C-alpha atoms as a PDB file:
ATOM      1  CA  MET A   1      29.647 116.114 127.078  1.00  0.00           C
ATOM      2  CA  LYS A   2      30.621 116.117 130.679  1.00  0.00           C
ATOM      3  CA  ASP A   3      28.111 113.141 131.252  1.00  0.00           C
ATOM      4  CA  ILE A   4      29.768 111.113 128.598  1.00  0.00           C
ATOM      5  CA  ARG A   5      33.040 111.449 130.142  1.00  0.00           C
ATOM      6  CA  ASN A   6      31.651 110.287 133.499  1.00  0.00           C
ATOM      7  CA  THR A   7      29.863 107.503 131.836  1.00  0.00           C
ATOM      8  CA  ILE A   8      33.125 106.231 130.168  1.00  0.00           C
ATOM      9  CA  VAL A   9      35.104 106.393 133.437  1.00  0.00           C
ATOM     10  CA  HIS A  10      32.515 104.343 135.284  1.00  0.00           C
ATOM     11  CA  GLU A  11      31.403 101.956 132.669  1.00  0.00           C
ATOM     12  CA  TYR A  12      32.726  98.376 132.930  1.00  0.00           C
ATOM     13  CA  ILE A  13      30.327  96.240 130.908  1.00  0.00           C
ATOM     14  CA  ASP A  14      31.491  95.739 127.302  1.00  0.00           C
ATOM     15  CA  ASP A  15      28.045  95.712 125.758  1.00  0.00           C
ATOM     16  CA  GLU A  16      27.270  99.054 127.255  1.00  0.00           C
ATOM     17  CA  LEU A  17      30.572 100.369 126.383  1.00  0.00           C
ATOM     18  CA  ILE A  18      29.541  99.988 122.676  1.00  0.00           C
ATOM     19  CA  ASP A  19      26.663 102.261 123.295  1.00  0.00           C
ATOM     20  CA  VAL A  20      28.781 104.779 124.938  1.00  0.00           C
ATOM     21  CA  PHE A  21      31.355 104.883 122.216  1.00  0.00           C
ATOM     22  CA  ASP A  22      28.652 105.354 119.645  1.00  0.00           C
ATOM     23  CA  GLU A  23      27.639 108.480 121.683  1.00  0.00           C
ATOM     24  CA  VAL A  24      31.351 109.534 121.855  1.00  0.00           C
ATOM     25  CA  LEU A  25      31.692 109.229 118.050  1.00  0.00           C
ATOM     26  CA  GLU A  26      28.644 111.360 117.532  1.00  0.00           C
ATOM     27  CA  TYR A  27      30.048 114.100 119.768  1.00  0.00           C
ATOM     28  CA  SER A  28      33.432 113.734 118.214  1.00  0.00           C
ATOM     29  CA  LEU A  29      32.069 114.847 114.853  1.00  0.00           C
ATOM     30  CA  PHE A  30      30.281 117.741 116.396  1.00  0.00           C
ATOM     31  CA  LEU A  31      33.619 118.806 118.190  1.00  0.00           C
ATOM     32  CA  ILE A  32      35.545 118.452 114.955  1.00  0.00           C
ATOM     33  CA  ASN A  33      33.218 120.730 113.172  1.00  0.00           C
ATOM     34  CA  ILE A  34      33.457 123.144 115.910  1.00  0.00           C
ATOM     35  CA  ILE A  35      37.316 123.107 115.725  1.00  0.00           C
ATOM     36  CA  ASN A  36      37.364 123.452 111.982  1.00  0.00           C
ATOM     37  CA  ASN A  37      35.121 126.495 112.267  1.00  0.00           C
ATOM     38  CA  THR A  38      37.140 127.944 114.980  1.00  0.00           C
ATOM     39  CA  LEU A  39      40.347 127.672 112.758  1.00  0.00           C
ATOM     40  CA  LYS A  40      38.613 129.140 109.850  1.00  0.00           C
ATOM     41  CA  TYR A  41      37.643 132.125 112.011  1.00  0.00           C
ATOM     42  CA  ILE A  42      41.128 132.585 113.293  1.00  0.00           C
ATOM     43  CA  GLU A  43      42.555 132.389 110.004  1.00  0.00           C
ATOM     44  CA  LYS A  44      40.075 134.849 108.559  1.00  0.00           C
ATOM     45  CA  THR A  45      40.564 137.242 111.548  1.00  0.00           C
ATOM     46  CA  LEU A  46      44.460 137.187 111.180  1.00  0.00           C
ATOM     47  CA  ARG A  47      44.291 138.097 107.494  1.00  0.00           C
ATOM     48  CA  LYS A  48      42.473 141.245 108.407  1.00  0.00           C
ATOM     49  CA  LYS A  49      45.360 142.511 110.391  1.00  0.00           C
END
């Protein structure tokens, strides 16, 4: 994911940006899933206390 950030920062050609954003969207879904799983875990853990 760090590579994607670097690519975005240094990419200036519009056509290539489209490819970069496709990759960003792909990782975004992955990250959203991680966030949701983390929130579920926190909620479950807090209920136990």
